Amino acid sequence: MDIVIVLVALIVIALIFKRMDNTIIAFGLIDVFLRIVFFIGNHTTSGIKAFTNKYFPASIEAIIRSHTTGSFETVLVWIYVILMMMFWYFVLRMLIRRIH
């Protein structure tokens, strides 16, 4: 179910922004948000931890690994890594532009 939610969110984001760099930044932000929620859930009370573990995956990579296996999993993880590298490129590019 969680992979469907992330895919729908990415499709909606792609349709709204219509630019590849904004879509990749949104992809990276979704992953960062999931990692922050996972961290907060694991470092607070057991009730919050149970809620976050039930309703939020640890990251987009965790979603990929929980729903696929074998070569397809490897390909998807590499696509994920490439998208995250592109995310960091766009973030650094924006940071450098703001500094100058």
PDB file of N, CA and C in Angstrom:
ATOM      1  N   MET A   1       0.818  -1.194   0.000  1.00  0.00           N
ATOM      2  CA  MET A   1       0.000   0.000   0.000  1.00  0.00           C
ATOM      3  C   MET A   1       0.863   1.259   0.000  1.00  0.00           C
ATOM      4  N   ASP A   2       1.951   1.210   0.772  1.00  0.00           N
ATOM      5  CA  ASP A   2       2.784   2.410   0.856  1.00  0.00           C
ATOM      6  C   ASP A   2       3.457   2.749  -0.464  1.00  0.00           C
ATOM      7  N   ILE A   3       3.783   1.744  -1.264  1.00  0.00           N
ATOM      8  CA  ILE A   3       4.391   2.037  -2.562  1.00  0.00           C
ATOM      9  C   ILE A   3       3.388   2.721  -3.486  1.00  0.00           C
ATOM     10  N   VAL A   4       2.123   2.365  -3.372  1.00  0.00           N
ATOM     11  CA  VAL A   4       1.090   3.004  -4.187  1.00  0.00           C
ATOM     12  C   VAL A   4       0.963   4.480  -3.811  1.00  0.00           C
ATOM     13  N   ILE A   5       0.993   4.774  -2.518  1.00  0.00           N
ATOM     14  CA  ILE A   5       0.880   6.158  -2.053  1.00  0.00           C
ATOM     15  C   ILE A   5       2.047   6.990  -2.560  1.00  0.00           C
ATOM     16  N   VAL A   6       3.268   6.462  -2.462  1.00  0.00           N
ATOM     17  CA  VAL A   6       4.443   7.207  -2.931  1.00  0.00           C
ATOM     18  C   VAL A   6       4.399   7.394  -4.442  1.00  0.00           C
ATOM     19  N   LEU A   7       4.012   6.371  -5.182  1.00  0.00           N
ATOM     20  CA  LEU A   7       3.928   6.500  -6.643  1.00  0.00           C
ATOM     21  C   LEU A   7       2.869   7.520  -7.053  1.00  0.00           C
ATOM     22  N   VAL A   8       1.714   7.493  -6.407  1.00  0.00           N
ATOM     23  CA  VAL A   8       0.672   8.479  -6.719  1.00  0.00           C
ATOM     24  C   VAL A   8       1.158   9.882  -6.383  1.00  0.00           C
ATOM     25  N   ALA A   9       1.831  10.028  -5.241  1.00  0.00           N
ATOM     26  CA  ALA A   9       2.359  11.344  -4.860  1.00  0.00           C
ATOM     27  C   ALA A   9       3.368  11.838  -5.887  1.00  0.00           C
ATOM     28  N   LEU A  10       4.241  10.967  -6.358  1.00  0.00           N
ATOM     29  CA  LEU A  10       5.237  11.375  -7.357  1.00  0.00           C
ATOM     30  C   LEU A  10       4.589  11.727  -8.688  1.00  0.00           C
ATOM     31  N   ILE A  11       3.560  10.989  -9.088  1.00  0.00           N
ATOM     32  CA  ILE A  11       2.867  11.303 -10.337  1.00  0.00           C
ATOM     33  C   ILE A  11       2.169  12.647 -10.240  1.00  0.00           C
ATOM     34  N   VAL A  12       1.513  12.901  -9.106  1.00  0.00           N
ATOM     35  CA  VAL A  12       0.836  14.188  -8.915  1.00  0.00           C
ATOM     36  C   VAL A  12       1.855  15.323  -8.908  1.00  0.00           C
ATOM     37  N   ILE A  13       2.975  15.127  -8.245  1.00  0.00           N
ATOM     38  CA  ILE A  13       4.026  16.148  -8.201  1.00  0.00           C
ATOM     39  C   ILE A  13       4.562  16.413  -9.605  1.00  0.00           C
ATOM     40  N   ALA A  14       4.788  15.341 -10.379  1.00  0.00           N
ATOM     41  CA  ALA A  14       5.293  15.504 -11.746  1.00  0.00           C
ATOM     42  C   ALA A  14       4.303  16.269 -12.610  1.00  0.00           C
ATOM     43  N   LEU A  15       3.016  16.015 -12.414  1.00  0.00           N
ATOM     44  CA  LEU A  15       2.004  16.730 -13.192  1.00  0.00           C
ATOM     45  C   LEU A  15       1.891  18.190 -12.776  1.00  0.00           C
ATOM     46  N   ILE A  16       2.094  18.465 -11.491  1.00  0.00           N
ATOM     47  CA  ILE A  16       1.991  19.843 -11.007  1.00  0.00           C
ATOM     48  C   ILE A  16       3.195  20.666 -11.456  1.00  0.00           C
ATOM     49  N   PHE A  17       4.402  20.150 -11.243  1.00  0.00           N
ATOM     50  CA  PHE A  17       5.600  20.930 -11.527  1.00  0.00           C
ATOM     51  C   PHE A  17       5.948  20.964 -13.013  1.00  0.00           C
ATOM     52  N   LYS A  18       5.801  19.858 -13.712  1.00  0.00           N
ATOM     53  CA  LYS A  18       6.084  19.741 -15.140  1.00  0.00           C
ATOM     54  C   LYS A  18       7.540  20.036 -15.508  1.00  0.00           C
ATOM     55  N   ARG A  19       8.387  20.108 -14.517  1.00  0.00           N
ATOM     56  CA  ARG A  19       9.825  20.255 -14.769  1.00  0.00           C
ATOM     57  C   ARG A  19      10.532  19.124 -14.046  1.00  0.00           C
ATOM     58  N   MET A  20      11.523  18.544 -14.697  1.00  0.00           N
ATOM     59  CA  MET A  20      12.198  17.378 -14.142  1.00  0.00           C
ATOM     60  C   MET A  20      12.932  17.708 -12.854  1.00  0.00           C
ATOM     61  N   ASP A  21      13.594  18.862 -12.789  1.00  0.00           N
ATOM     62  CA  ASP A  21      14.360  19.179 -11.588  1.00  0.00           C
ATOM     63  C   ASP A  21      13.452  19.350 -10.374  1.00  0.00           C
ATOM     64  N   ASN A  22      12.294  19.960 -10.539  1.00  0.00           N
ATOM     65  CA  ASN A  22      11.371  20.112  -9.417  1.00  0.00           C
ATOM     66  C   ASN A  22      10.806  18.768  -8.978  1.00  0.00           C
ATOM     67  N   THR A  23      10.564  17.877  -9.914  1.00  0.00           N
ATOM     68  CA  THR A  23      10.066  16.548  -9.575  1.00  0.00           C
ATOM     69  C   THR A  23      11.112  15.760  -8.800  1.00  0.00           C
ATOM     70  N   ILE A  24      12.363  15.856  -9.208  1.00  0.00           N
ATOM     71  CA  ILE A  24      13.435  15.156  -8.500  1.00  0.00           C
ATOM     72  C   ILE A  24      13.630  15.745  -7.114  1.00  0.00           C
ATOM     73  N   ILE A  25      13.535  17.049  -6.972  1.00  0.00           N
ATOM     74  CA  ILE A  25      13.646  17.669  -5.655  1.00  0.00           C
ATOM     75  C   ILE A  25      12.498  17.207  -4.763  1.00  0.00           C
ATOM     76  N   ALA A  26      11.298  17.118  -5.302  1.00  0.00           N
ATOM     77  CA  ALA A  26      10.163  16.621  -4.521  1.00  0.00           C
ATOM     78  C   ALA A  26      10.385  15.168  -4.103  1.00  0.00           C
ATOM     79  N   PHE A  27      10.946  14.353  -4.996  1.00  0.00           N
ATOM     80  CA  PHE A  27      11.278  12.966  -4.674  1.00  0.00           C
ATOM     81  C   PHE A  27      12.250  12.905  -3.496  1.00  0.00           C
ATOM     82  N   GLY A  28      13.292  13.716  -3.553  1.00  0.00           N
ATOM     83  CA  GLY A  28      14.266  13.752  -2.465  1.00  0.00           C
ATOM     84  C   GLY A  28      13.653  14.243  -1.161  1.00  0.00           C
ATOM     85  N   LEU A  29      12.791  15.232  -1.251  1.00  0.00           N
ATOM     86  CA  LEU A  29      12.145  15.752  -0.045  1.00  0.00           C
ATOM     87  C   LEU A  29      11.213  14.731   0.587  1.00  0.00           C
ATOM     88  N   ILE A  30      10.521  13.947  -0.226  1.00  0.00           N
ATOM     89  CA  ILE A  30       9.677  12.883   0.321  1.00  0.00           C
ATOM     90  C   ILE A  30      10.536  11.879   1.075  1.00  0.00           C
ATOM     91  N   ASP A  31      11.677  11.500   0.496  1.00  0.00           N
ATOM     92  CA  ASP A  31      12.568  10.549   1.161  1.00  0.00           C
ATOM     93  C   ASP A  31      13.115  11.125   2.463  1.00  0.00           C
ATOM     94  N   VAL A  32      13.528  12.379   2.448  1.00  0.00           N
ATOM     95  CA  VAL A  32      14.046  13.013   3.667  1.00  0.00           C
ATOM     96  C   VAL A  32      12.949  13.082   4.736  1.00  0.00           C
ATOM     97  N   PHE A  33      11.717  13.423   4.325  1.00  0.00           N
ATOM     98  CA  PHE A  33      10.596  13.469   5.270  1.00  0.00           C
ATOM     99  C   PHE A  33      10.371  12.103   5.912  1.00  0.00           C
ATOM    100  N   LEU A  34      10.373  11.034   5.105  1.00  0.00           N
ATOM    101  CA  LEU A  34      10.180   9.693   5.657  1.00  0.00           C
ATOM    102  C   LEU A  34      11.288   9.318   6.625  1.00  0.00           C
ATOM    103  N   ARG A  35      12.516   9.704   6.323  1.00  0.00           N
ATOM    104  CA  ARG A  35      13.633   9.401   7.226  1.00  0.00           C
ATOM    105  C   ARG A  35      13.528  10.177   8.539  1.00  0.00           C
ATOM    106  N   ILE A  36      13.076  11.425   8.483  1.00  0.00           N
ATOM    107  CA  ILE A  36      12.899  12.217   9.700  1.00  0.00           C
ATOM    108  C   ILE A  36      11.796  11.628  10.573  1.00  0.00           C
ATOM    109  N   VAL A  37      10.675  11.256   9.959  1.00  0.00           N
ATOM    110  CA  VAL A  37       9.575  10.648  10.710  1.00  0.00           C
ATOM    111  C   VAL A  37      10.031   9.333  11.334  1.00  0.00           C
ATOM    112  N   PHE A  38      10.788   8.531  10.607  1.00  0.00           N
ATOM    113  CA  PHE A  38      11.314   7.273  11.140  1.00  0.00           C
ATOM    114  C   PHE A  38      12.236   7.529  12.329  1.00  0.00           C
ATOM    115  N   PHE A  39      13.098   8.526  12.216  1.00  0.00           N
ATOM    116  CA  PHE A  39      14.014   8.855  13.311  1.00  0.00           C
ATOM    117  C   PHE A  39      13.235   9.316  14.541  1.00  0.00           C
ATOM    118  N   ILE A  40      12.281  10.209  14.355  1.00  0.00           N
ATOM    119  CA  ILE A  40      11.484  10.706  15.483  1.00  0.00           C
ATOM    120  C   ILE A  40      10.711   9.562  16.118  1.00  0.00           C
ATOM    121  N   GLY A  41      10.145   8.696  15.292  1.00  0.00           N
ATOM    122  CA  GLY A  41       9.402   7.559  15.819  1.00  0.00           C
ATOM    123  C   GLY A  41      10.249   6.618  16.642  1.00  0.00           C
ATOM    124  N   ASN A  42      11.481   6.411  16.247  1.00  0.00           N
ATOM    125  CA  ASN A  42      12.357   5.497  16.982  1.00  0.00           C
ATOM    126  C   ASN A  42      12.997   6.121  18.204  1.00  0.00           C
ATOM    127  N   HIS A  43      12.899   7.423  18.370  1.00  0.00           N
ATOM    128  CA  HIS A  43      13.541   8.077  19.511  1.00  0.00           C
ATOM    129  C   HIS A  43      12.537   8.782  20.408  1.00  0.00           C
ATOM    130  N   THR A  44      11.295   8.303  20.425  1.00  0.00           N
ATOM    131  CA  THR A  44      10.271   8.860  21.306  1.00  0.00           C
ATOM    132  C   THR A  44       9.559   7.718  22.017  1.00  0.00           C
ATOM    133  N   THR A  45       8.384   7.984  22.527  1.00  0.00           N
ATOM    134  CA  THR A  45       7.644   6.993  23.306  1.00  0.00           C
ATOM    135  C   THR A  45       7.203   5.824  22.438  1.00  0.00           C
ATOM    136  N   SER A  46       6.825   4.749  23.105  1.00  0.00           N
ATOM    137  CA  SER A  46       6.441   3.537  22.369  1.00  0.00           C
ATOM    138  C   SER A  46       5.158   3.734  21.569  1.00  0.00           C
ATOM    139  N   GLY A  47       4.253   4.591  22.035  1.00  0.00           N
ATOM    140  CA  GLY A  47       3.024   4.851  21.287  1.00  0.00           C
ATOM    141  C   GLY A  47       3.302   5.527  19.962  1.00  0.00           C
ATOM    142  N   ILE A  48       4.174   6.531  19.979  1.00  0.00           N
ATOM    143  CA  ILE A  48       4.534   7.229  18.736  1.00  0.00           C
ATOM    144  C   ILE A  48       5.329   6.296  17.830  1.00  0.00           C
ATOM    145  N   LYS A  49       6.199   5.487  18.438  1.00  0.00           N
ATOM    146  CA  LYS A  49       6.976   4.537  17.645  1.00  0.00           C
ATOM    147  C   LYS A  49       6.063   3.537  16.950  1.00  0.00           C
ATOM    148  N   ALA A  50       5.069   3.027  17.632  1.00  0.00           N
ATOM    149  CA  ALA A  50       4.136   2.075  17.029  1.00  0.00           C
ATOM    150  C   ALA A  50       3.352   2.734  15.890  1.00  0.00           C
ATOM    151  N   PHE A  51       2.933   3.989  16.091  1.00  0.00           N
ATOM    152  CA  PHE A  51       2.190   4.714  15.057  1.00  0.00           C
ATOM    153  C   PHE A  51       3.047   4.940  13.816  1.00  0.00           C
ATOM    154  N   THR A  52       4.261   5.436  14.001  1.00  0.00           N
ATOM    155  CA  THR A  52       5.113   5.721  12.841  1.00  0.00           C
ATOM    156  C   THR A  52       5.542   4.448  12.127  1.00  0.00           C
ATOM    157  N   ASN A  53       5.827   3.382  12.879  1.00  0.00           N
ATOM    158  CA  ASN A  53       6.217   2.126  12.228  1.00  0.00           C
ATOM    159  C   ASN A  53       5.061   1.504  11.455  1.00  0.00           C
ATOM    160  N   LYS A  54       3.814   1.740  11.914  1.00  0.00           N
ATOM    161  CA  LYS A  54       2.652   1.177  11.233  1.00  0.00           C
ATOM    162  C   LYS A  54       2.295   1.953   9.969  1.00  0.00           C
ATOM    163  N   TYR A  55       2.377   3.282  10.021  1.00  0.00           N
ATOM    164  CA  TYR A  55       1.861   4.110   8.929  1.00  0.00           C
ATOM    165  C   TYR A  55       2.917   4.756   8.041  1.00  0.00           C
ATOM    166  N   PHE A  56       4.174   4.774   8.450  1.00  0.00           N
ATOM    167  CA  PHE A  56       5.220   5.422   7.658  1.00  0.00           C
ATOM    168  C   PHE A  56       6.367   4.451   7.415  1.00  0.00           C
ATOM    169  N   PRO A  57       6.778   4.266   6.155  1.00  0.00           N
ATOM    170  CA  PRO A  57       7.967   3.451   5.893  1.00  0.00           C
ATOM    171  C   PRO A  57       9.224   4.225   6.263  1.00  0.00           C
ATOM    172  N   ALA A  58      10.333   3.519   6.403  1.00  0.00           N
ATOM    173  CA  ALA A  58      11.589   4.162   6.804  1.00  0.00           C
ATOM    174  C   ALA A  58      12.130   5.084   5.726  1.00  0.00           C
ATOM    175  N   SER A  59      11.987   4.713   4.470  1.00  0.00           N
ATOM    176  CA  SER A  59      12.469   5.520   3.351  1.00  0.00           C
ATOM    177  C   SER A  59      11.892   4.946   2.063  1.00  0.00           C
ATOM    178  N   ILE A  60      12.155   5.606   0.974  1.00  0.00           N
ATOM    179  CA  ILE A  60      11.709   5.081  -0.320  1.00  0.00           C
ATOM    180  C   ILE A  60      12.470   3.804  -0.647  1.00  0.00           C
ATOM    181  N   GLU A  61      13.725   3.743  -0.266  1.00  0.00           N
ATOM    182  CA  GLU A  61      14.496   2.515  -0.490  1.00  0.00           C
ATOM    183  C   GLU A  61      13.886   1.349   0.286  1.00  0.00           C
ATOM    184  N   ALA A  62      13.419   1.590   1.503  1.00  0.00           N
ATOM    185  CA  ALA A  62      12.775   0.534   2.287  1.00  0.00           C
ATOM    186  C   ALA A  62      11.498   0.053   1.617  1.00  0.00           C
ATOM    187  N   ILE A  63      10.783   0.963   0.981  1.00  0.00           N
ATOM    188  CA  ILE A  63       9.576   0.577   0.239  1.00  0.00           C
ATOM    189  C   ILE A  63       9.953  -0.322  -0.929  1.00  0.00           C
ATOM    190  N   ILE A  64      10.993   0.061  -1.655  1.00  0.00           N
ATOM    191  CA  ILE A  64      11.439  -0.737  -2.804  1.00  0.00           C
ATOM    192  C   ILE A  64      11.853  -2.130  -2.344  1.00  0.00           C
ATOM    193  N   ARG A  65      12.645  -2.191  -1.282  1.00  0.00           N
ATOM    194  CA  ARG A  65      13.145  -3.481  -0.801  1.00  0.00           C
ATOM    195  C   ARG A  65      12.038  -4.363  -0.228  1.00  0.00           C
ATOM    196  N   SER A  66      10.989  -3.763   0.337  1.00  0.00           N
ATOM    197  CA  SER A  66       9.925  -4.587   0.925  1.00  0.00           C
ATOM    198  C   SER A  66       8.958  -5.143  -0.120  1.00  0.00           C
ATOM    199  N   HIS A  67       8.918  -4.560  -1.311  1.00  0.00           N
ATOM    200  CA  HIS A  67       7.953  -4.989  -2.312  1.00  0.00           C
ATOM    201  C   HIS A  67       8.555  -5.674  -3.529  1.00  0.00           C
ATOM    202  N   THR A  68       9.874  -5.725  -3.632  1.00  0.00           N
ATOM    203  CA  THR A  68      10.499  -6.363  -4.793  1.00  0.00           C
ATOM    204  C   THR A  68      11.642  -7.264  -4.345  1.00  0.00           C
ATOM    205  N   THR A  69      12.076  -8.126  -5.237  1.00  0.00           N
ATOM    206  CA  THR A  69      13.212  -9.001  -4.969  1.00  0.00           C
ATOM    207  C   THR A  69      14.006  -9.193  -6.258  1.00  0.00           C
ATOM    208  N   GLY A  70      15.192  -9.699  -6.100  1.00  0.00           N
ATOM    209  CA  GLY A  70      16.010 -10.098  -7.230  1.00  0.00           C
ATOM    210  C   GLY A  70      16.554  -8.953  -8.064  1.00  0.00           C
ATOM    211  N   SER A  71      16.643  -9.196  -9.356  1.00  0.00           N
ATOM    212  CA  SER A  71      17.222  -8.227 -10.282  1.00  0.00           C
ATOM    213  C   SER A  71      16.396  -6.956 -10.375  1.00  0.00           C
ATOM    214  N   PHE A  72      15.064  -7.105 -10.309  1.00  0.00           N
ATOM    215  CA  PHE A  72      14.198  -5.933 -10.374  1.00  0.00           C
ATOM    216  C   PHE A  72      14.460  -5.007  -9.189  1.00  0.00           C
ATOM    217  N   GLU A  73      14.680  -5.593  -8.016  1.00  0.00           N
ATOM    218  CA  GLU A  73      15.017  -4.791  -6.830  1.00  0.00           C
ATOM    219  C   GLU A  73      16.332  -4.049  -7.037  1.00  0.00           C
ATOM    220  N   THR A  74      17.313  -4.722  -7.580  1.00  0.00           N
ATOM    221  CA  THR A  74      18.606  -4.092  -7.825  1.00  0.00           C
ATOM    222  C   THR A  74      18.476  -2.919  -8.786  1.00  0.00           C
ATOM    223  N   VAL A  75      17.722  -3.106  -9.855  1.00  0.00           N
ATOM    224  CA  VAL A  75      17.520  -2.029 -10.830  1.00  0.00           C
ATOM    225  C   VAL A  75      16.811  -0.845 -10.172  1.00  0.00           C
ATOM    226  N   LEU A  76      15.757  -1.110  -9.420  1.00  0.00           N
ATOM    227  CA  LEU A  76      15.022  -0.021  -8.765  1.00  0.00           C
ATOM    228  C   LEU A  76      15.873   0.713  -7.737  1.00  0.00           C
ATOM    229  N   VAL A  77      16.694  -0.020  -6.994  1.00  0.00           N
ATOM    230  CA  VAL A  77      17.570   0.636  -6.016  1.00  0.00           C
ATOM    231  C   VAL A  77      18.589   1.509  -6.724  1.00  0.00           C
ATOM    232  N   TRP A  78      19.130   1.057  -7.853  1.00  0.00           N
ATOM    233  CA  TRP A  78      20.073   1.882  -8.597  1.00  0.00           C
ATOM    234  C   TRP A  78      19.393   3.122  -9.173  1.00  0.00           C
ATOM    235  N   ILE A  79      18.155   2.986  -9.624  1.00  0.00           N
ATOM    236  CA  ILE A  79      17.399   4.163 -10.083  1.00  0.00           C
ATOM    237  C   ILE A  79      17.197   5.125  -8.933  1.00  0.00           C
ATOM    238  N   TYR A  80      16.885   4.577  -7.754  1.00  0.00           N
ATOM    239  CA  TYR A  80      16.738   5.397  -6.544  1.00  0.00           C
ATOM    240  C   TYR A  80      18.034   6.146  -6.240  1.00  0.00           C
ATOM    241  N   VAL A  81      19.159   5.454  -6.307  1.00  0.00           N
ATOM    242  CA  VAL A  81      20.455   6.084  -6.023  1.00  0.00           C
ATOM    243  C   VAL A  81      20.748   7.192  -7.038  1.00  0.00           C
ATOM    244  N   ILE A  82      20.479   6.947  -8.294  1.00  0.00           N
ATOM    245  CA  ILE A  82      20.703   7.974  -9.322  1.00  0.00           C
ATOM    246  C   ILE A  82      19.807   9.186  -9.081  1.00  0.00           C
ATOM    247  N   LEU A  83      18.535   8.939  -8.729  1.00  0.00           N
ATOM    248  CA  LEU A  83      17.634  10.061  -8.433  1.00  0.00           C
ATOM    249  C   LEU A  83      18.100  10.854  -7.211  1.00  0.00           C
ATOM    250  N   MET A  84      18.619  10.167  -6.208  1.00  0.00           N
ATOM    251  CA  MET A  84      19.118  10.881  -5.026  1.00  0.00           C
ATOM    252  C   MET A  84      20.386  11.678  -5.356  1.00  0.00           C
ATOM    253  N   MET A  85      21.228  11.139  -6.238  1.00  0.00           N
ATOM    254  CA  MET A  85      22.402  11.904  -6.655  1.00  0.00           C
ATOM    255  C   MET A  85      21.977  13.142  -7.426  1.00  0.00           C
ATOM    256  N   MET A  86      20.954  13.025  -8.261  1.00  0.00           N
ATOM    257  CA  MET A  86      20.430  14.183  -8.980  1.00  0.00           C
ATOM    258  C   MET A  86      19.810  15.186  -8.005  1.00  0.00           C
ATOM    259  N   PHE A  87      19.140  14.677  -6.980  1.00  0.00           N
ATOM    260  CA  PHE A  87      18.568  15.543  -5.946  1.00  0.00           C
ATOM    261  C   PHE A  87      19.662  16.378  -5.289  1.00  0.00           C
ATOM    262  N   TRP A  88      20.754  15.724  -4.898  1.00  0.00           N
ATOM    263  CA  TRP A  88      21.838  16.457  -4.256  1.00  0.00           C
ATOM    264  C   TRP A  88      22.491  17.440  -5.217  1.00  0.00           C
ATOM    265  N   TYR A  89      22.566  17.107  -6.502  1.00  0.00           N
ATOM    266  CA  TYR A  89      23.099  18.031  -7.491  1.00  0.00           C
ATOM    267  C   TYR A  89      22.241  19.297  -7.549  1.00  0.00           C
ATOM    268  N   PHE A  90      20.924  19.134  -7.622  1.00  0.00           N
ATOM    269  CA  PHE A  90      20.036  20.303  -7.695  1.00  0.00           C
ATOM    270  C   PHE A  90      20.070  21.117  -6.417  1.00  0.00           C
ATOM    271  N   VAL A  91      20.155  20.450  -5.267  1.00  0.00           N
ATOM    272  CA  VAL A  91      20.222  21.174  -3.998  1.00  0.00           C
ATOM    273  C   VAL A  91      21.526  21.960  -3.904  1.00  0.00           C
ATOM    274  N   LEU A  92      22.640  21.344  -4.260  1.00  0.00           N
ATOM    275  CA  LEU A  92      23.924  22.051  -4.226  1.00  0.00           C
ATOM    276  C   LEU A  92      23.961  23.196  -5.225  1.00  0.00           C
ATOM    277  N   ARG A  93      23.380  22.981  -6.385  1.00  0.00           N
ATOM    278  CA  ARG A  93      23.325  24.046  -7.390  1.00  0.00           C
ATOM    279  C   ARG A  93      22.537  25.245  -6.865  1.00  0.00           C
ATOM    280  N   MET A  94      21.407  24.983  -6.214  1.00  0.00           N
ATOM    281  CA  MET A  94      20.624  26.082  -5.634  1.00  0.00           C
ATOM    282  C   MET A  94      21.397  26.781  -4.522  1.00  0.00           C
ATOM    283  N   LEU A  95      22.100  26.011  -3.713  1.00  0.00           N
ATOM    284  CA  LEU A  95      22.887  26.590  -2.617  1.00  0.00           C
ATOM    285  C   LEU A  95      23.996  27.481  -3.166  1.00  0.00           C
ATOM    286  N   ILE A  96      24.689  27.016  -4.185  1.00  0.00           N
ATOM    287  CA  ILE A  96      25.785  27.803  -4.764  1.00  0.00           C
ATOM    288  C   ILE A  96      25.243  29.079  -5.396  1.00  0.00           C
ATOM    289  N   ARG A  97      24.091  28.992  -6.054  1.00  0.00           N
ATOM    290  CA  ARG A  97      23.490  30.206  -6.642  1.00  0.00           C
ATOM    291  C   ARG A  97      23.101  31.221  -5.568  1.00  0.00           C
ATOM    292  N   ARG A  98      22.640  30.761  -4.433  1.00  0.00           N
ATOM    293  CA  ARG A  98      22.241  31.680  -3.360  1.00  0.00           C
ATOM    294  C   ARG A  98      23.453  32.307  -2.678  1.00  0.00           C
ATOM    295  N   ILE A  99      24.549  31.619  -2.648  1.00  0.00           N
ATOM    296  CA  ILE A  99      25.759  32.157  -2.033  1.00  0.00           C
ATOM    297  C   ILE A  99      26.343  33.268  -2.885  1.00  0.00           C
ATOM    298  N   HIS A 100      26.307  33.105  -4.200  1.00  0.00           N
ATOM    299  CA  HIS A 100      26.900  34.119  -5.083  1.00  0.00           C
ATOM    300  C   HIS A 100      25.946  35.213  -5.353  1.00  0.00           C
TER     301      HIS A 100
END
